[in-house]
Amino acid sequence: QVQFVESGGGLVQPGGSLRLSCTGSGRISSRYAMSWYRQAPGKKRELVAAITRAGDNSIYADSVKGRFTISRDNAENTVALEMNNLKPENTAVYFCQAVNGALDTYWGQGTQVNVSS
């Protein structure tokens, strides 16, 4: 079974940047549409960004447009989320999600992002 592991979280000051990565254990190639979600304490998990299997289209939550960028490298089995100008309200556990053509859904274990001075 394919597994996905996130990395790159940590503590950053407001205005700072982080780059999250999600790596698949197997060959993800173009089999999976990939997304980043986040869940803050006491809140529902929400979509942050998503990218198509070929990487030719992406969508973003309104709150992160212009600051976050999702990208993928199918040859390296990775999906990244570049986060700039981070704000305290971006503090959350960030999860990657993979969905294949049969709508099988896989989640990573999450990586913690803390934005604080």
C-alpha atoms as a PDB file:
ATOM      1  CA  GLN A   1       0.000   0.000   0.000  1.00  0.00           C
ATOM      2  CA  VAL A   2       1.256   3.443  -0.850  1.00  0.00           C
ATOM      3  CA  GLN A   3       2.126   5.670   2.062  1.00  0.00           C
ATOM      4  CA  PHE A   4       2.703   9.402   2.151  1.00  0.00           C
ATOM      5  CA  VAL A   5       4.970  11.168   4.615  1.00  0.00           C
ATOM      6  CA  GLU A   6       5.060  14.913   5.240  1.00  0.00           C
ATOM      7  CA  SER A   7       8.099  16.863   6.368  1.00  0.00           C
ATOM      8  CA  GLY A   8       9.289  20.430   6.668  1.00  0.00           C
ATOM      9  CA  GLY A   9       7.106  21.757   9.455  1.00  0.00           C
ATOM     10  CA  GLY A  10       8.457  23.753  12.366  1.00  0.00           C
ATOM     11  CA  LEU A  11       8.409  27.053  14.188  1.00  0.00           C
ATOM     12  CA  VAL A  12       8.647  30.246  12.181  1.00  0.00           C
ATOM     13  CA  GLN A  13       8.112  33.908  12.951  1.00  0.00           C
ATOM     14  CA  PRO A  14       5.279  35.850  11.335  1.00  0.00           C
ATOM     15  CA  GLY A  15       6.315  36.911   7.861  1.00  0.00           C
ATOM     16  CA  GLY A  16       8.622  33.948   7.505  1.00  0.00           C
ATOM     17  CA  SER A  17       8.568  31.033   5.084  1.00  0.00           C
ATOM     18  CA  LEU A  18       8.451  27.261   5.195  1.00  0.00           C
ATOM     19  CA  ARG A  19       8.497  24.578   2.544  1.00  0.00           C
ATOM     20  CA  LEU A  20       6.540  21.414   3.249  1.00  0.00           C
ATOM     21  CA  SER A  21       7.138  18.202   1.346  1.00  0.00           C
ATOM     22  CA  CYS A  22       5.042  15.093   0.931  1.00  0.00           C
ATOM     23  CA  THR A  23       6.791  11.997  -0.370  1.00  0.00           C
ATOM     24  CA  GLY A  24       5.065   8.851  -1.560  1.00  0.00           C
ATOM     25  CA  SER A  25       6.549   5.487  -0.657  1.00  0.00           C
ATOM     26  CA  GLY A  26       5.864   4.119  -4.087  1.00  0.00           C
ATOM     27  CA  ARG A  27       5.731   5.467  -7.543  1.00  0.00           C
ATOM     28  CA  ILE A  28       3.010   8.085  -7.455  1.00  0.00           C
ATOM     29  CA  SER A  29       3.784   9.381 -10.903  1.00  0.00           C
ATOM     30  CA  SER A  30       0.580  10.828 -12.292  1.00  0.00           C
ATOM     31  CA  ARG A  31      -1.744   8.363 -10.542  1.00  0.00           C
ATOM     32  CA  TYR A  32      -2.814  10.679  -7.758  1.00  0.00           C
ATOM     33  CA  ALA A  33      -4.344  14.101  -7.510  1.00  0.00           C
ATOM     34  CA  MET A  34      -2.612  15.660  -4.524  1.00  0.00           C
ATOM     35  CA  SER A  35      -3.776  18.170  -1.953  1.00  0.00           C
ATOM     36  CA  TRP A  36      -2.625  19.869   1.206  1.00  0.00           C
ATOM     37  CA  TYR A  37      -5.050  20.246   4.082  1.00  0.00           C
ATOM     38  CA  ARG A  38      -4.577  21.735   7.523  1.00  0.00           C
ATOM     39  CA  GLN A  39      -6.264  21.413  10.857  1.00  0.00           C
ATOM     40  CA  ALA A  40      -5.926  23.978  13.605  1.00  0.00           C
ATOM     41  CA  PRO A  41      -6.806  23.143  17.230  1.00  0.00           C
ATOM     42  CA  GLY A  42     -10.551  22.995  17.697  1.00  0.00           C
ATOM     43  CA  LYS A  43     -11.251  23.473  14.002  1.00  0.00           C
ATOM     44  CA  LYS A  44     -12.237  21.267  11.096  1.00  0.00           C
ATOM     45  CA  ARG A  45      -9.676  20.083   8.593  1.00  0.00           C
ATOM     46  CA  GLU A  46      -9.700  22.425   5.612  1.00  0.00           C
ATOM     47  CA  LEU A  47      -8.348  22.397   2.100  1.00  0.00           C
ATOM     48  CA  VAL A  48      -5.311  24.619   1.553  1.00  0.00           C
ATOM     49  CA  ALA A  49      -4.273  23.778  -2.006  1.00  0.00           C
ATOM     50  CA  ALA A  50      -4.661  21.051  -4.603  1.00  0.00           C
ATOM     51  CA  ILE A  51      -2.883  20.094  -7.802  1.00  0.00           C
ATOM     52  CA  THR A  52      -3.904  17.893 -10.694  1.00  0.00           C
ATOM     53  CA  ARG A  53      -2.176  14.643 -11.562  1.00  0.00           C
ATOM     54  CA  ALA A  54      -0.180  16.221 -14.348  1.00  0.00           C
ATOM     55  CA  GLY A  55       0.577  19.307 -12.323  1.00  0.00           C
ATOM     56  CA  ASP A  56      -0.992  21.561 -14.918  1.00  0.00           C
ATOM     57  CA  ASN A  57      -3.632  23.110 -12.705  1.00  0.00           C
ATOM     58  CA  SER A  58      -3.972  24.043  -9.067  1.00  0.00           C
ATOM     59  CA  ILE A  59      -6.424  25.689  -6.700  1.00  0.00           C
ATOM     60  CA  TYR A  60      -5.978  27.513  -3.419  1.00  0.00           C
ATOM     61  CA  ALA A  61      -8.004  28.549  -0.437  1.00  0.00           C
ATOM     62  CA  ASP A  62      -8.727  32.269  -0.631  1.00  0.00           C
ATOM     63  CA  SER A  63      -6.809  32.886   2.587  1.00  0.00           C
ATOM     64  CA  VAL A  64      -3.517  31.625   1.119  1.00  0.00           C
ATOM     65  CA  LYS A  65      -3.726  32.846  -2.484  1.00  0.00           C
ATOM     66  CA  GLY A  66      -0.625  34.756  -3.459  1.00  0.00           C
ATOM     67  CA  ARG A  67       1.350  33.435  -0.479  1.00  0.00           C
ATOM     68  CA  PHE A  68       1.333  29.642  -0.874  1.00  0.00           C
ATOM     69  CA  THR A  69       2.374  27.619  -3.918  1.00  0.00           C
ATOM     70  CA  ILE A  70       1.747  23.921  -4.494  1.00  0.00           C
ATOM     71  CA  SER A  71       3.958  21.975  -6.880  1.00  0.00           C
ATOM     72  CA  ARG A  72       4.776  18.383  -7.688  1.00  0.00           C
ATOM     73  CA  ASP A  73       7.645  16.363  -9.072  1.00  0.00           C
ATOM     74  CA  ASN A  74       6.271  13.059 -10.251  1.00  0.00           C
ATOM     75  CA  ALA A  75       9.709  11.702 -11.019  1.00  0.00           C
ATOM     76  CA  GLU A  76      10.701  12.265  -7.386  1.00  0.00           C
ATOM     77  CA  ASN A  77       7.311  11.193  -5.970  1.00  0.00           C
ATOM     78  CA  THR A  78       6.984  14.463  -4.090  1.00  0.00           C
ATOM     79  CA  VAL A  79       4.506  17.257  -3.667  1.00  0.00           C
ATOM     80  CA  ALA A  80       5.566  20.499  -2.061  1.00  0.00           C
ATOM     81  CA  LEU A  81       3.828  23.437  -0.452  1.00  0.00           C
ATOM     82  CA  GLU A  82       5.848  26.635  -0.418  1.00  0.00           C
ATOM     83  CA  MET A  83       4.461  28.970   2.239  1.00  0.00           C
ATOM     84  CA  ASN A  84       5.503  32.617   2.353  1.00  0.00           C
ATOM     85  CA  ASN A  85       4.520  35.557   4.522  1.00  0.00           C
ATOM     86  CA  LEU A  86       3.211  33.192   7.166  1.00  0.00           C
ATOM     87  CA  LYS A  87       0.713  34.463   9.709  1.00  0.00           C
ATOM     88  CA  PRO A  88      -0.150  33.213  13.203  1.00  0.00           C
ATOM     89  CA  GLU A  89      -3.491  31.976  11.884  1.00  0.00           C
ATOM     90  CA  ASN A  90      -1.601  29.584   9.610  1.00  0.00           C
ATOM     91  CA  THR A  91      -0.594  27.579  12.682  1.00  0.00           C
ATOM     92  CA  ALA A  92      -1.949  24.059  12.198  1.00  0.00           C
ATOM     93  CA  VAL A  93      -1.066  20.479  11.435  1.00  0.00           C
ATOM     94  CA  TYR A  94      -0.641  20.206   7.676  1.00  0.00           C
ATOM     95  CA  PHE A  95      -1.588  16.970   5.922  1.00  0.00           C
ATOM     96  CA  CYS A  96      -1.095  15.786   2.390  1.00  0.00           C
ATOM     97  CA  GLN A  97      -3.865  13.852   0.698  1.00  0.00           C
ATOM     98  CA  ALA A  98      -3.664  11.620  -2.352  1.00  0.00           C
ATOM     99  CA  VAL A  99      -6.641  10.488  -4.417  1.00  0.00           C
ATOM    100  CA  ASN A 100      -6.373   8.064  -7.317  1.00  0.00           C
ATOM    101  CA  GLY A 101      -8.698   7.483 -10.230  1.00  0.00           C
ATOM    102  CA  ALA A 102     -10.777   5.009  -8.235  1.00  0.00           C
ATOM    103  CA  LEU A 103     -11.203   7.688  -5.554  1.00  0.00           C
ATOM    104  CA  ASP A 104      -9.134   5.748  -3.034  1.00  0.00           C
ATOM    105  CA  THR A 105      -7.898   8.344  -0.565  1.00  0.00           C
ATOM    106  CA  TYR A 106      -4.658   8.306   1.396  1.00  0.00           C
ATOM    107  CA  TRP A 107      -3.457  10.677   4.107  1.00  0.00           C
ATOM    108  CA  GLY A 108      -0.077  11.389   5.568  1.00  0.00           C
ATOM    109  CA  GLN A 109       0.468  11.629   9.314  1.00  0.00           C
ATOM    110  CA  GLY A 110       0.772  15.410   9.260  1.00  0.00           C
ATOM    111  CA  THR A 111       3.472  17.936  10.056  1.00  0.00           C
ATOM    112  CA  GLN A 112       3.107  20.721  12.611  1.00  0.00           C
ATOM    113  CA  VAL A 113       3.521  24.340  11.571  1.00  0.00           C
ATOM    114  CA  ASN A 114       3.729  26.975  14.287  1.00  0.00           C
ATOM    115  CA  VAL A 115       3.815  30.654  13.392  1.00  0.00           C
ATOM    116  CA  SER A 116       4.697  32.717  16.420  1.00  0.00           C
ATOM    117  CA  SER A 117       6.994  35.471  17.549  1.00  0.00           C
END
